[in-house]
């Protein structure tokens, strides 16, 4: 089963992270933010 990818564009102070976390919880899916991109870059040596 393929899960959908939901992208939320946000601006500073818009509480986009909190909204994204709540939406993910409601949908029962994982929430990923820029931390996963930073970790992948670190592991690949970028």
C-alpha atoms as a PDB file:
ATOM      1  CA  UNK A   1       0.000   0.000   0.000  1.00  0.00           C
ATOM      2  CA  UNK A   2       1.370   3.407  -0.939  1.00  0.00           C
ATOM      3  CA  UNK A   3       0.928   6.196   1.554  1.00  0.00           C
ATOM      4  CA  UNK A   4       0.282   9.738   0.387  1.00  0.00           C
ATOM      5  CA  UNK A   5       2.873  12.461   0.828  1.00  0.00           C
ATOM      6  CA  UNK A   6       1.506  15.693   2.218  1.00  0.00           C
ATOM      7  CA  UNK A   7       3.660  18.797   1.944  1.00  0.00           C
ATOM      8  CA  UNK A   8       2.827  21.874   3.956  1.00  0.00           C
ATOM      9  CA  UNK A   9       4.362  25.144   2.840  1.00  0.00           C
ATOM     10  CA  UNK A  10       4.827  27.472   5.741  1.00  0.00           C
ATOM     11  CA  UNK A  11       6.249  30.786   6.827  1.00  0.00           C
ATOM     12  CA  UNK A  12       7.938  31.747  10.072  1.00  0.00           C
ATOM     13  CA  UNK A  13       5.365  32.094  12.827  1.00  0.00           C
ATOM     14  CA  UNK A  14       2.603  30.243  10.974  1.00  0.00           C
ATOM     15  CA  UNK A  15       2.693  27.209  13.299  1.00  0.00           C
ATOM     16  CA  UNK A  16       3.080  24.959  10.263  1.00  0.00           C
ATOM     17  CA  UNK A  17       5.047  22.365  12.206  1.00  0.00           C
ATOM     18  CA  UNK A  18       2.333  22.006  14.841  1.00  0.00           C
ATOM     19  CA  UNK A  19      -0.348  21.782  12.171  1.00  0.00           C
ATOM     20  CA  UNK A  20       1.672  19.165  10.273  1.00  0.00           C
ATOM     21  CA  UNK A  21       2.159  17.081  13.410  1.00  0.00           C
ATOM     22  CA  UNK A  22      -1.568  17.193  14.182  1.00  0.00           C
ATOM     23  CA  UNK A  23      -2.533  16.274  10.609  1.00  0.00           C
ATOM     24  CA  UNK A  24      -0.084  13.355  10.628  1.00  0.00           C
ATOM     25  CA  UNK A  25      -1.501  12.133  13.925  1.00  0.00           C
ATOM     26  CA  UNK A  26      -5.067  12.390  12.607  1.00  0.00           C
ATOM     27  CA  UNK A  27      -4.116  10.442   9.470  1.00  0.00           C
ATOM     28  CA  UNK A  28      -2.096   7.902  11.441  1.00  0.00           C
ATOM     29  CA  UNK A  29       1.098   8.506   9.458  1.00  0.00           C
ATOM     30  CA  UNK A  30       4.664   9.485  10.348  1.00  0.00           C
ATOM     31  CA  UNK A  31       5.637  13.144  10.529  1.00  0.00           C
ATOM     32  CA  UNK A  32       8.969  14.169   9.038  1.00  0.00           C
ATOM     33  CA  UNK A  33      10.486  17.622   9.060  1.00  0.00           C
ATOM     34  CA  UNK A  34      13.838  19.080   8.079  1.00  0.00           C
ATOM     35  CA  UNK A  35      15.585  16.890  10.658  1.00  0.00           C
ATOM     36  CA  UNK A  36      15.358  13.865   8.352  1.00  0.00           C
ATOM     37  CA  UNK A  37      16.942  15.858   5.513  1.00  0.00           C
ATOM     38  CA  UNK A  38      19.753  17.040   7.790  1.00  0.00           C
ATOM     39  CA  UNK A  39      20.416  13.482   8.997  1.00  0.00           C
ATOM     40  CA  UNK A  40      20.491  12.126   5.440  1.00  0.00           C
ATOM     41  CA  UNK A  41      22.909  14.865   4.381  1.00  0.00           C
ATOM     42  CA  UNK A  42      25.170  14.173   7.360  1.00  0.00           C
ATOM     43  CA  UNK A  43      25.228  10.414   6.672  1.00  0.00           C
ATOM     44  CA  UNK A  44      26.048  10.963   3.005  1.00  0.00           C
ATOM     45  CA  UNK A  45      28.825  13.404   3.829  1.00  0.00           C
ATOM     46  CA  UNK A  46      27.179  16.499   2.339  1.00  0.00           C
END
